[in-house]
Amino acid sequence: MEPFFSIIIPVYNVEHYLEQCLDSVVNQGFRSWELICINDGSTDRSINILKDYSDKYAQISIKTINNSGTAVARNRGINLAKGQYLLFIDSDDWIGPDALQIIYDAVKNNPVDILSFNGHLYYEDSGTTETDEGQMVRNINGWDYYNKHVLRPRKFHFVCVVIRAYSLSFILDKGLFFRAGVLHEDNLFMPQAFYHAEKVAEIPDPLYCYRIRPGSKMHEYTFRQIKDKCEVNNSLGDFFFSKPDIDLSNISRIIASDYIGLYSTKTKRAIGNKQKEIISKINREYFRRACIIRRHKFLYTLIRIHPFVYRTYTRMSKILHSCSR
């Protein structure tokens, strides 16, 4: 009998965290699952830990690949999956003790393409936790769901892949795989997934615990981070600006904001003269089309005059704002 859940965990050099992650799955009361661990070329004890668990639990399989990044590892897991629903877990995170049962209860009589849930942010340096406020959203079209909730303030980034369960047949039918070779792959995957989804629901339960480690890649602001953000933005433009029959207002605001950020003082300080290389990669037509709100149009005009004019304006605005407090 095929498992109900296929749980995919990309693993790369997380020997200090991996057992907690694996334990959170194997200790679930709901037992109809398979755990697909993609060893992404780890050089620490991670592979030994995986082998220990796979020897003990027949539901755990290990596939080792050359170090290729999270996107490639997730895609390999998708191609191996046999369950009805997919879950993705980062190997330094974990899920709550009843997570699988709660998700199963939510979808068993109400199949959806995507089920969203909530989670905790765990700050390792301080040991403190923040929890997203949950809400109940019943069956809704994916793009309507995206537009209703993408700009809602929350602890988790809206496009975070790990706080959702996905119908495997939906993922395969729509050819939804992660873009290999880029960071910020969630930013590209989730809007496209919601565009294709016919039926989405959300439950308020905080089922996922996301570990924020000092020095983790989410805190980096490197040339590659910035370059890949530009590439993702261009790819979002490729996908969405060819679809004039849908509401593009929110995705346009996000694209415009990210493009504008590539010209910022923060970016310039992070990568210096390489900022010009990044700017040369921006799709100018997409940038123009994305600037639909008044503020973005204004900032776009300043950038067109000269990026220095834009940076000067933003610096002066911050100074005036701080003086007015």
C-alpha atoms as a PDB file:
ATOM      1  CA  MET A   1       0.000   0.000   0.000  1.00  0.00           C
ATOM      2  CA  GLU A   2       1.380   3.386  -1.014  1.00  0.00           C
ATOM      3  CA  PRO A   3       2.042   5.930   1.752  1.00  0.00           C
ATOM      4  CA  PHE A   4      -0.212   8.922   2.198  1.00  0.00           C
ATOM      5  CA  PHE A   5       2.696  11.335   2.689  1.00  0.00           C
ATOM      6  CA  SER A   6       6.019  11.597   0.911  1.00  0.00           C
ATOM      7  CA  ILE A   7       8.307  13.720   3.059  1.00  0.00           C
ATOM      8  CA  ILE A   8      11.375  15.107   1.303  1.00  0.00           C
ATOM      9  CA  ILE A   9      14.411  16.270   3.275  1.00  0.00           C
ATOM     10  CA  PRO A  10      17.479  17.640   1.485  1.00  0.00           C
ATOM     11  CA  VAL A  11      20.494  17.014   3.735  1.00  0.00           C
ATOM     12  CA  TYR A  12      23.794  18.866   3.643  1.00  0.00           C
ATOM     13  CA  ASN A  13      26.213  19.003   6.580  1.00  0.00           C
ATOM     14  CA  VAL A  14      23.697  19.201   9.415  1.00  0.00           C
ATOM     15  CA  GLU A  15      25.054  16.568  11.776  1.00  0.00           C
ATOM     16  CA  HIS A  16      24.175  18.663  14.849  1.00  0.00           C
ATOM     17  CA  TYR A  17      20.504  19.055  13.878  1.00  0.00           C
ATOM     18  CA  LEU A  18      19.593  16.066  11.755  1.00  0.00           C
ATOM     19  CA  GLU A  19      18.519  13.681  14.501  1.00  0.00           C
ATOM     20  CA  GLN A  20      15.954  16.162  15.850  1.00  0.00           C
ATOM     21  CA  CYS A  21      14.583  16.576  12.335  1.00  0.00           C
ATOM     22  CA  LEU A  22      14.337  12.834  11.696  1.00  0.00           C
ATOM     23  CA  ASP A  23      12.902  12.129  15.149  1.00  0.00           C
ATOM     24  CA  SER A  24      10.112  14.605  14.505  1.00  0.00           C
ATOM     25  CA  VAL A  25       8.992  12.388  11.603  1.00  0.00           C
ATOM     26  CA  VAL A  26       9.571   8.884  12.955  1.00  0.00           C
ATOM     27  CA  ASN A  27       7.784   9.734  16.223  1.00  0.00           C
ATOM     28  CA  GLN A  28       4.581  10.787  14.465  1.00  0.00           C
ATOM     29  CA  GLY A  29       1.481   8.894  15.540  1.00  0.00           C
ATOM     30  CA  PHE A  30       0.243   8.873  11.938  1.00  0.00           C
ATOM     31  CA  ARG A  31       2.235   6.118  10.255  1.00  0.00           C
ATOM     32  CA  SER A  32       1.379   6.227   6.540  1.00  0.00           C
ATOM     33  CA  TRP A  33       4.468   8.037   5.293  1.00  0.00           C
ATOM     34  CA  GLU A  34       7.738   7.592   3.483  1.00  0.00           C
ATOM     35  CA  LEU A  35      10.767   9.743   4.231  1.00  0.00           C
ATOM     36  CA  ILE A  36      13.014  10.496   1.267  1.00  0.00           C
ATOM     37  CA  CYS A  37      16.361  11.893   2.402  1.00  0.00           C
ATOM     38  CA  ILE A  38      18.492  13.359  -0.357  1.00  0.00           C
ATOM     39  CA  ASN A  39      22.086  13.504   0.844  1.00  0.00           C
ATOM     40  CA  ASP A  40      23.403  16.499  -1.089  1.00  0.00           C
ATOM     41  CA  GLY A  41      27.079  15.557  -0.937  1.00  0.00           C
ATOM     42  CA  SER A  42      27.480  15.992   2.824  1.00  0.00           C
ATOM     43  CA  THR A  43      31.048  15.833   4.132  1.00  0.00           C
ATOM     44  CA  ASP A  44      30.244  15.564   7.855  1.00  0.00           C
ATOM     45  CA  ARG A  45      28.511  12.769   9.795  1.00  0.00           C
ATOM     46  CA  SER A  46      25.114  13.423   8.216  1.00  0.00           C
ATOM     47  CA  ILE A  47      25.273  10.374   5.953  1.00  0.00           C
ATOM     48  CA  ASN A  48      26.148   8.126   8.913  1.00  0.00           C
ATOM     49  CA  ILE A  49      23.147   9.439  10.837  1.00  0.00           C
ATOM     50  CA  LEU A  50      20.908   8.836   7.834  1.00  0.00           C
ATOM     51  CA  LYS A  51      22.151   5.259   7.487  1.00  0.00           C
ATOM     52  CA  ASP A  52      21.536   4.590  11.181  1.00  0.00           C
ATOM     53  CA  TYR A  53      17.925   5.738  10.822  1.00  0.00           C
ATOM     54  CA  SER A  54      17.290   3.944   7.532  1.00  0.00           C
ATOM     55  CA  ASP A  55      18.576   0.709   9.065  1.00  0.00           C
ATOM     56  CA  LYS A  56      16.063   1.140  11.872  1.00  0.00           C
ATOM     57  CA  TYR A  57      13.081   2.405   9.872  1.00  0.00           C
ATOM     58  CA  ALA A  58      12.094   0.773   6.588  1.00  0.00           C
ATOM     59  CA  GLN A  59      10.101   3.865   5.618  1.00  0.00           C
ATOM     60  CA  ILE A  60      13.292   5.924   5.277  1.00  0.00           C
ATOM     61  CA  SER A  61      15.226   5.884   2.011  1.00  0.00           C
ATOM     62  CA  ILE A  62      18.472   7.674   1.210  1.00  0.00           C
ATOM     63  CA  LYS A  63      19.667   8.931  -2.137  1.00  0.00           C
ATOM     64  CA  THR A  64      23.102  10.523  -2.403  1.00  0.00           C
ATOM     65  CA  ILE A  65      23.857  13.089  -5.088  1.00  0.00           C
ATOM     66  CA  ASN A  66      26.805  15.349  -5.802  1.00  0.00           C
ATOM     67  CA  ASN A  67      26.425  18.653  -3.999  1.00  0.00           C
ATOM     68  CA  SER A  68      23.928  20.502  -6.195  1.00  0.00           C
ATOM     69  CA  GLY A  69      21.793  22.614  -3.862  1.00  0.00           C
ATOM     70  CA  THR A  70      18.362  22.413  -2.298  1.00  0.00           C
ATOM     71  CA  ALA A  71      16.419  22.768  -5.549  1.00  0.00           C
ATOM     72  CA  VAL A  72      18.051  19.760  -7.208  1.00  0.00           C
ATOM     73  CA  ALA A  73      17.649  17.698  -4.036  1.00  0.00           C
ATOM     74  CA  ARG A  74      13.953  18.542  -3.761  1.00  0.00           C
ATOM     75  CA  ASN A  75      13.384  17.745  -7.429  1.00  0.00           C
ATOM     76  CA  ARG A  76      15.053  14.365  -7.004  1.00  0.00           C
ATOM     77  CA  GLY A  77      12.743  13.705  -4.072  1.00  0.00           C
ATOM     78  CA  ILE A  78       9.654  14.667  -6.083  1.00  0.00           C
ATOM     79  CA  ASN A  79      10.597  12.204  -8.799  1.00  0.00           C
ATOM     80  CA  LEU A  80      10.979   9.431  -6.226  1.00  0.00           C
ATOM     81  CA  ALA A  81       7.801  10.205  -4.279  1.00  0.00           C
ATOM     82  CA  LYS A  82       4.894   7.741  -4.143  1.00  0.00           C
ATOM     83  CA  GLY A  83       2.557   9.386  -1.639  1.00  0.00           C
ATOM     84  CA  GLN A  84      -0.617  11.338  -2.214  1.00  0.00           C
ATOM     85  CA  TYR A  85       0.767  14.481  -0.593  1.00  0.00           C
ATOM     86  CA  LEU A  86       4.242  15.991  -0.481  1.00  0.00           C
ATOM     87  CA  LEU A  87       5.868  17.717   2.456  1.00  0.00           C
ATOM     88  CA  PHE A  88       9.253  19.421   2.410  1.00  0.00           C
ATOM     89  CA  ILE A  89      11.326  19.737   5.573  1.00  0.00           C
ATOM     90  CA  ASP A  90      14.670  21.512   5.834  1.00  0.00           C
ATOM     91  CA  SER A  91      17.131  19.247   7.610  1.00  0.00           C
ATOM     92  CA  ASP A  92      17.811  21.633  10.499  1.00  0.00           C
ATOM     93  CA  ASP A  93      14.082  22.132  11.182  1.00  0.00           C
ATOM     94  CA  TRP A  94      11.367  19.837  12.535  1.00  0.00           C
ATOM     95  CA  ILE A  95       7.610  19.286  12.534  1.00  0.00           C
ATOM     96  CA  GLY A  96       5.208  19.173  15.462  1.00  0.00           C
ATOM     97  CA  PRO A  97       4.299  15.854  17.117  1.00  0.00           C
ATOM     98  CA  ASP A  98       0.829  15.565  15.540  1.00  0.00           C
ATOM     99  CA  ALA A  99       1.558  17.376  12.270  1.00  0.00           C
ATOM    100  CA  LEU A 100       0.833  14.489   9.917  1.00  0.00           C
ATOM    101  CA  GLN A 101      -2.419  13.540  11.621  1.00  0.00           C
ATOM    102  CA  ILE A 102      -3.632  17.153  11.542  1.00  0.00           C
ATOM    103  CA  ILE A 103      -2.807  17.528   7.849  1.00  0.00           C
ATOM    104  CA  TYR A 104      -4.404  14.174   7.032  1.00  0.00           C
ATOM    105  CA  ASP A 105      -7.600  15.131   8.875  1.00  0.00           C
ATOM    106  CA  ALA A 106      -7.714  18.400   6.903  1.00  0.00           C
ATOM    107  CA  VAL A 107      -7.453  16.797   3.457  1.00  0.00           C
ATOM    108  CA  LYS A 108      -8.868  13.277   3.744  1.00  0.00           C
ATOM    109  CA  ASN A 109     -12.428  14.376   2.944  1.00  0.00           C
ATOM    110  CA  ASN A 110     -11.474  17.623   1.255  1.00  0.00           C
ATOM    111  CA  PRO A 111      -8.654  17.041  -1.256  1.00  0.00           C
ATOM    112  CA  VAL A 112      -6.855  20.200  -2.291  1.00  0.00           C
ATOM    113  CA  ASP A 113      -3.907  21.042  -4.509  1.00  0.00           C
ATOM    114  CA  ILE A 114      -2.173  22.944  -1.700  1.00  0.00           C
ATOM    115  CA  LEU A 115      -2.833  22.992   2.029  1.00  0.00           C
ATOM    116  CA  SER A 116      -1.166  25.816   3.945  1.00  0.00           C
ATOM    117  CA  PHE A 117      -0.463  25.736   7.666  1.00  0.00           C
ATOM    118  CA  ASN A 118       1.546  27.819  10.072  1.00  0.00           C
ATOM    119  CA  GLY A 119       4.643  27.467  12.175  1.00  0.00           C
ATOM    120  CA  HIS A 120       7.136  28.686  14.733  1.00  0.00           C
ATOM    121  CA  LEU A 121      10.361  30.566  14.144  1.00  0.00           C
ATOM    122  CA  TYR A 122      13.011  29.272  16.549  1.00  0.00           C
ATOM    123  CA  TYR A 123      15.993  31.603  17.094  1.00  0.00           C
ATOM    124  CA  GLU A 124      18.863  29.351  18.043  1.00  0.00           C
ATOM    125  CA  ASP A 125      21.114  32.066  19.455  1.00  0.00           C
ATOM    126  CA  SER A 126      18.507  33.227  21.998  1.00  0.00           C
ATOM    127  CA  GLY A 127      16.364  30.114  22.322  1.00  0.00           C
ATOM    128  CA  THR A 128      13.244  32.206  21.736  1.00  0.00           C
ATOM    129  CA  THR A 129      10.299  31.351  19.514  1.00  0.00           C
ATOM    130  CA  GLU A 130       7.847  33.415  17.479  1.00  0.00           C
ATOM    131  CA  THR A 131       4.629  31.891  16.190  1.00  0.00           C
ATOM    132  CA  ASP A 132       2.657  32.926  13.141  1.00  0.00           C
ATOM    133  CA  GLU A 133      -0.967  33.816  13.737  1.00  0.00           C
ATOM    134  CA  GLY A 134      -3.112  31.110  12.208  1.00  0.00           C
ATOM    135  CA  GLN A 135      -6.296  31.415  10.209  1.00  0.00           C
ATOM    136  CA  MET A 136      -8.802  29.114   8.584  1.00  0.00           C
ATOM    137  CA  VAL A 137      -9.233  29.470   4.844  1.00  0.00           C
ATOM    138  CA  ARG A 138     -11.544  27.039   3.109  1.00  0.00           C
ATOM    139  CA  ASN A 139     -11.495  26.101  -0.537  1.00  0.00           C
ATOM    140  CA  ILE A 140     -10.327  28.945  -2.716  1.00  0.00           C
ATOM    141  CA  ASN A 141      -8.701  29.323  -6.106  1.00  0.00           C
ATOM    142  CA  GLY A 142      -4.915  29.420  -5.767  1.00  0.00           C
ATOM    143  CA  TRP A 143      -4.384  32.785  -7.423  1.00  0.00           C
ATOM    144  CA  ASP A 144      -7.178  34.350  -5.383  1.00  0.00           C
ATOM    145  CA  TYR A 145      -5.549  32.945  -2.243  1.00  0.00           C
ATOM    146  CA  TYR A 146      -2.181  34.371  -3.274  1.00  0.00           C
ATOM    147  CA  ASN A 147      -3.585  37.830  -3.865  1.00  0.00           C
ATOM    148  CA  LYS A 148      -5.604  37.871  -0.637  1.00  0.00           C
ATOM    149  CA  HIS A 149      -2.705  36.847   1.585  1.00  0.00           C
ATOM    150  CA  VAL A 150       0.669  37.525  -0.028  1.00  0.00           C
ATOM    151  CA  LEU A 151       0.993  41.028   1.454  1.00  0.00           C
ATOM    152  CA  ARG A 152      -0.463  40.128   4.849  1.00  0.00           C
ATOM    153  CA  PRO A 153       2.114  40.700   7.625  1.00  0.00           C
ATOM    154  CA  ARG A 154       3.378  37.406   9.010  1.00  0.00           C
ATOM    155  CA  LYS A 155       6.440  35.865  10.663  1.00  0.00           C
ATOM    156  CA  PHE A 156       7.058  33.348   7.876  1.00  0.00           C
ATOM    157  CA  HIS A 157       7.754  34.662   4.401  1.00  0.00           C
ATOM    158  CA  PHE A 158       4.576  33.945   2.431  1.00  0.00           C
ATOM    159  CA  VAL A 159       6.435  32.016  -0.275  1.00  0.00           C
ATOM    160  CA  CYS A 160       8.110  29.644   2.200  1.00  0.00           C
ATOM    161  CA  VAL A 161       7.680  26.168   0.674  1.00  0.00           C
ATOM    162  CA  VAL A 162       7.942  24.192   3.927  1.00  0.00           C
ATOM    163  CA  ILE A 163       4.690  25.450   5.483  1.00  0.00           C
ATOM    164  CA  ARG A 164       2.489  23.662   2.964  1.00  0.00           C
ATOM    165  CA  ALA A 165       1.435  20.202   1.833  1.00  0.00           C
ATOM    166  CA  TYR A 166       1.073  19.572  -1.908  1.00  0.00           C
ATOM    167  CA  SER A 167      -0.896  17.051  -3.888  1.00  0.00           C
ATOM    168  CA  LEU A 168       1.735  14.994  -5.714  1.00  0.00           C
ATOM    169  CA  SER A 169      -0.522  14.543  -8.735  1.00  0.00           C
ATOM    170  CA  PHE A 170      -0.956  18.328  -8.908  1.00  0.00           C
ATOM    171  CA  ILE A 171       2.809  18.914  -8.763  1.00  0.00           C
ATOM    172  CA  LEU A 172       3.498  16.354 -11.486  1.00  0.00           C
ATOM    173  CA  ASP A 173       0.574  17.329 -13.729  1.00  0.00           C
ATOM    174  CA  LYS A 174       1.678  20.974 -13.738  1.00  0.00           C
ATOM    175  CA  GLY A 175       5.396  20.183 -13.987  1.00  0.00           C
ATOM    176  CA  LEU A 176       6.166  22.179 -10.866  1.00  0.00           C
ATOM    177  CA  PHE A 177       9.824  21.700 -10.099  1.00  0.00           C
ATOM    178  CA  PHE A 178      12.359  23.982  -8.444  1.00  0.00           C
ATOM    179  CA  ARG A 179      14.726  26.117 -10.494  1.00  0.00           C
ATOM    180  CA  ALA A 180      18.156  24.557 -10.129  1.00  0.00           C
ATOM    181  CA  GLY A 181      21.244  26.639  -9.540  1.00  0.00           C
ATOM    182  CA  VAL A 182      19.625  29.658  -7.909  1.00  0.00           C
ATOM    183  CA  LEU A 183      18.953  30.739  -4.371  1.00  0.00           C
ATOM    184  CA  HIS A 184      15.495  32.143  -3.559  1.00  0.00           C
ATOM    185  CA  GLU A 185      13.943  29.240  -5.471  1.00  0.00           C
ATOM    186  CA  ASP A 186      10.879  29.391  -3.205  1.00  0.00           C
ATOM    187  CA  ASN A 187      10.173  32.909  -4.498  1.00  0.00           C
ATOM    188  CA  LEU A 188       9.764  31.485  -7.983  1.00  0.00           C
ATOM    189  CA  PHE A 189       8.117  28.164  -7.148  1.00  0.00           C
ATOM    190  CA  MET A 190       5.277  29.328  -4.903  1.00  0.00           C
ATOM    191  CA  PRO A 191       3.704  32.065  -7.095  1.00  0.00           C
ATOM    192  CA  GLN A 192       3.680  29.641 -10.026  1.00  0.00           C
ATOM    193  CA  ALA A 193       2.186  26.890  -7.851  1.00  0.00           C
ATOM    194  CA  PHE A 194      -0.596  29.188  -6.657  1.00  0.00           C
ATOM    195  CA  TYR A 195      -1.263  30.320 -10.220  1.00  0.00           C
ATOM    196  CA  HIS A 196      -1.894  26.708 -11.254  1.00  0.00           C
ATOM    197  CA  ALA A 197      -3.752  25.577  -8.121  1.00  0.00           C
ATOM    198  CA  GLU A 198      -7.510  25.230  -8.499  1.00  0.00           C
ATOM    199  CA  LYS A 199      -8.179  24.460  -4.867  1.00  0.00           C
ATOM    200  CA  VAL A 200      -6.270  25.775  -1.849  1.00  0.00           C
ATOM    201  CA  ALA A 201      -7.047  25.690   1.856  1.00  0.00           C
ATOM    202  CA  GLU A 202      -5.318  26.830   5.028  1.00  0.00           C
ATOM    203  CA  ILE A 203      -5.500  25.583   8.592  1.00  0.00           C
ATOM    204  CA  PRO A 204      -4.382  27.716  11.554  1.00  0.00           C
ATOM    205  CA  ASP A 205      -2.246  25.084  13.287  1.00  0.00           C
ATOM    206  CA  PRO A 206       1.479  25.884  13.733  1.00  0.00           C
ATOM    207  CA  LEU A 207       2.920  22.562  12.557  1.00  0.00           C
ATOM    208  CA  TYR A 208       6.434  23.500  11.434  1.00  0.00           C
ATOM    209  CA  CYS A 209       9.400  24.770  13.447  1.00  0.00           C
ATOM    210  CA  TYR A 210      11.900  26.768  11.417  1.00  0.00           C
ATOM    211  CA  ARG A 211      15.331  27.063  12.987  1.00  0.00           C
ATOM    212  CA  ILE A 212      17.129  30.349  12.406  1.00  0.00           C
ATOM    213  CA  ARG A 213      20.820  29.765  12.910  1.00  0.00           C
ATOM    214  CA  PRO A 214      23.420  32.516  13.260  1.00  0.00           C
ATOM    215  CA  GLY A 215      25.218  32.617   9.933  1.00  0.00           C
ATOM    216  CA  SER A 216      22.548  30.657   8.065  1.00  0.00           C
ATOM    217  CA  LYS A 217      22.141  31.501   4.382  1.00  0.00           C
ATOM    218  CA  MET A 218      18.922  33.438   4.969  1.00  0.00           C
ATOM    219  CA  HIS A 219      21.060  36.143   6.646  1.00  0.00           C
ATOM    220  CA  GLU A 220      23.591  36.400   3.836  1.00  0.00           C
ATOM    221  CA  TYR A 221      23.691  39.354   1.477  1.00  0.00           C
ATOM    222  CA  THR A 222      26.264  38.213  -1.015  1.00  0.00           C
ATOM    223  CA  PHE A 223      26.831  38.766  -4.697  1.00  0.00           C
ATOM    224  CA  ARG A 224      25.245  35.406  -5.457  1.00  0.00           C
ATOM    225  CA  GLN A 225      22.200  36.137  -3.287  1.00  0.00           C
ATOM    226  CA  ILE A 226      21.656  39.418  -5.092  1.00  0.00           C
ATOM    227  CA  LYS A 227      22.380  38.034  -8.574  1.00  0.00           C
ATOM    228  CA  ASP A 228      19.978  35.144  -8.056  1.00  0.00           C
ATOM    229  CA  LYS A 229      17.267  37.485  -6.776  1.00  0.00           C
ATOM    230  CA  CYS A 230      17.562  39.384 -10.054  1.00  0.00           C
ATOM    231  CA  GLU A 231      17.347  36.134 -12.037  1.00  0.00           C
ATOM    232  CA  VAL A 232      14.272  35.011 -10.104  1.00  0.00           C
ATOM    233  CA  ASN A 233      12.659  38.402 -10.711  1.00  0.00           C
ATOM    234  CA  ASN A 234      13.295  38.130 -14.442  1.00  0.00           C
ATOM    235  CA  SER A 235      11.837  34.615 -14.437  1.00  0.00           C
ATOM    236  CA  LEU A 236       8.717  35.796 -12.596  1.00  0.00           C
ATOM    237  CA  GLY A 237       8.334  38.423 -15.303  1.00  0.00           C
ATOM    238  CA  ASP A 238       8.748  35.776 -18.014  1.00  0.00           C
ATOM    239  CA  PHE A 239       5.993  33.703 -16.449  1.00  0.00           C
ATOM    240  CA  PHE A 240       3.439  36.286 -15.347  1.00  0.00           C
ATOM    241  CA  PHE A 241       3.671  39.191 -17.789  1.00  0.00           C
ATOM    242  CA  SER A 242       2.581  36.847 -20.567  1.00  0.00           C
ATOM    243  CA  LYS A 243      -0.700  36.277 -18.692  1.00  0.00           C
ATOM    244  CA  PRO A 244      -2.751  39.466 -19.021  1.00  0.00           C
ATOM    245  CA  ASP A 245      -5.989  37.710 -18.047  1.00  0.00           C
ATOM    246  CA  ILE A 246      -5.158  37.576 -14.316  1.00  0.00           C
ATOM    247  CA  ASP A 247      -4.712  40.154 -11.569  1.00  0.00           C
ATOM    248  CA  LEU A 248      -1.011  41.046 -11.648  1.00  0.00           C
ATOM    249  CA  SER A 249      -1.117  43.912  -9.143  1.00  0.00           C
ATOM    250  CA  ASN A 250       0.461  42.141  -6.170  1.00  0.00           C
ATOM    251  CA  ILE A 251       3.062  40.142  -8.064  1.00  0.00           C
ATOM    252  CA  SER A 252       3.952  43.372  -9.875  1.00  0.00           C
ATOM    253  CA  ARG A 253       4.472  45.185  -6.574  1.00  0.00           C
ATOM    254  CA  ILE A 254       6.753  42.409  -5.362  1.00  0.00           C
ATOM    255  CA  ILE A 255       8.770  42.357  -8.584  1.00  0.00           C
ATOM    256  CA  ALA A 256       9.116  46.143  -8.610  1.00  0.00           C
ATOM    257  CA  SER A 257      10.199  46.260  -4.968  1.00  0.00           C
ATOM    258  CA  ASP A 258      12.862  43.611  -5.544  1.00  0.00           C
ATOM    259  CA  TYR A 259      14.173  45.347  -8.658  1.00  0.00           C
ATOM    260  CA  ILE A 260      14.361  48.668  -6.816  1.00  0.00           C
ATOM    261  CA  GLY A 261      16.260  46.985  -3.995  1.00  0.00           C
ATOM    262  CA  LEU A 262      19.013  46.011  -6.435  1.00  0.00           C
ATOM    263  CA  TYR A 263      19.886  49.715  -6.745  1.00  0.00           C
ATOM    264  CA  SER A 264      19.940  50.378  -2.998  1.00  0.00           C
ATOM    265  CA  THR A 265      22.770  51.614  -0.829  1.00  0.00           C
ATOM    266  CA  LYS A 266      22.637  48.298   1.062  1.00  0.00           C
ATOM    267  CA  THR A 267      23.281  46.406  -2.174  1.00  0.00           C
ATOM    268  CA  LYS A 268      26.080  48.757  -3.160  1.00  0.00           C
ATOM    269  CA  ARG A 269      27.763  48.353   0.226  1.00  0.00           C
ATOM    270  CA  ALA A 270      27.484  44.577   0.006  1.00  0.00           C
ATOM    271  CA  ILE A 271      28.939  44.077  -3.468  1.00  0.00           C
ATOM    272  CA  GLY A 272      30.558  47.398  -4.415  1.00  0.00           C
ATOM    273  CA  ASN A 273      31.334  47.819  -8.095  1.00  0.00           C
ATOM    274  CA  LYS A 274      29.660  44.496  -8.885  1.00  0.00           C
ATOM    275  CA  GLN A 275      26.338  46.277  -8.457  1.00  0.00           C
ATOM    276  CA  LYS A 276      26.690  47.465 -12.059  1.00  0.00           C
ATOM    277  CA  GLU A 277      26.937  43.850 -13.200  1.00  0.00           C
ATOM    278  CA  ILE A 278      23.706  43.019 -11.393  1.00  0.00           C
ATOM    279  CA  ILE A 279      21.912  46.051 -12.796  1.00  0.00           C
ATOM    280  CA  SER A 280      22.939  45.059 -16.320  1.00  0.00           C
ATOM    281  CA  LYS A 281      20.986  41.810 -15.888  1.00  0.00           C
ATOM    282  CA  ILE A 282      17.671  43.488 -15.022  1.00  0.00           C
ATOM    283  CA  ASN A 283      14.929  43.076 -17.604  1.00  0.00           C
ATOM    284  CA  ARG A 284      14.112  46.757 -18.138  1.00  0.00           C
ATOM    285  CA  GLU A 285      10.736  46.124 -19.711  1.00  0.00           C
ATOM    286  CA  TYR A 286       9.611  43.986 -16.777  1.00  0.00           C
ATOM    287  CA  PHE A 287      10.883  46.633 -14.355  1.00  0.00           C
ATOM    288  CA  ARG A 288       8.846  49.303 -16.122  1.00  0.00           C
ATOM    289  CA  ARG A 289       5.711  47.154 -16.280  1.00  0.00           C
ATOM    290  CA  ALA A 290       5.976  46.180 -12.627  1.00  0.00           C
ATOM    291  CA  CYS A 291       5.948  49.776 -11.383  1.00  0.00           C
ATOM    292  CA  ILE A 292       2.194  50.277 -11.118  1.00  0.00           C
ATOM    293  CA  ILE A 293       1.812  52.011  -7.754  1.00  0.00           C
ATOM    294  CA  ARG A 294       2.689  55.677  -7.322  1.00  0.00           C
ATOM    295  CA  ARG A 295       5.721  55.183  -5.074  1.00  0.00           C
ATOM    296  CA  HIS A 296       7.303  52.613  -7.357  1.00  0.00           C
ATOM    297  CA  LYS A 297       6.726  54.829 -10.384  1.00  0.00           C
ATOM    298  CA  PHE A 298       8.418  57.706  -8.557  1.00  0.00           C
ATOM    299  CA  LEU A 299      11.425  55.640  -7.486  1.00  0.00           C
ATOM    300  CA  TYR A 300      11.677  54.151 -10.965  1.00  0.00           C
ATOM    301  CA  THR A 301      11.867  57.695 -12.364  1.00  0.00           C
ATOM    302  CA  LEU A 302      14.658  58.606  -9.937  1.00  0.00           C
ATOM    303  CA  ILE A 303      16.571  55.490 -10.942  1.00  0.00           C
ATOM    304  CA  ARG A 304      16.110  56.314 -14.610  1.00  0.00           C
ATOM    305  CA  ILE A 305      17.604  59.766 -13.954  1.00  0.00           C
ATOM    306  CA  HIS A 306      20.533  58.140 -12.139  1.00  0.00           C
ATOM    307  CA  PRO A 307      20.863  55.496  -9.415  1.00  0.00           C
ATOM    308  CA  PHE A 308      22.832  58.030  -7.349  1.00  0.00           C
ATOM    309  CA  VAL A 309      19.779  60.301  -7.337  1.00  0.00           C
ATOM    310  CA  TYR A 310      17.643  57.420  -6.048  1.00  0.00           C
ATOM    311  CA  ARG A 311      20.142  56.513  -3.306  1.00  0.00           C
ATOM    312  CA  THR A 312      20.466  60.144  -2.245  1.00  0.00           C
ATOM    313  CA  TYR A 313      16.699  60.493  -2.016  1.00  0.00           C
ATOM    314  CA  THR A 314      16.334  57.363   0.110  1.00  0.00           C
ATOM    315  CA  ARG A 315      19.131  58.463   2.457  1.00  0.00           C
ATOM    316  CA  MET A 316      17.593  61.904   2.911  1.00  0.00           C
ATOM    317  CA  SER A 317      14.156  60.382   3.463  1.00  0.00           C
ATOM    318  CA  LYS A 318      15.531  58.205   6.268  1.00  0.00           C
ATOM    319  CA  ILE A 319      17.239  61.179   7.899  1.00  0.00           C
ATOM    320  CA  LEU A 320      14.091  63.303   7.750  1.00  0.00           C
ATOM    321  CA  HIS A 321      11.981  60.424   9.053  1.00  0.00           C
ATOM    322  CA  SER A 322      14.275  59.880  12.043  1.00  0.00           C
ATOM    323  CA  CYS A 323      14.314  63.618  12.820  1.00  0.00           C
ATOM    324  CA  SER A 324      10.524  63.773  12.809  1.00  0.00           C
ATOM    325  CA  ARG A 325      10.144  61.146  15.532  1.00  0.00           C
END
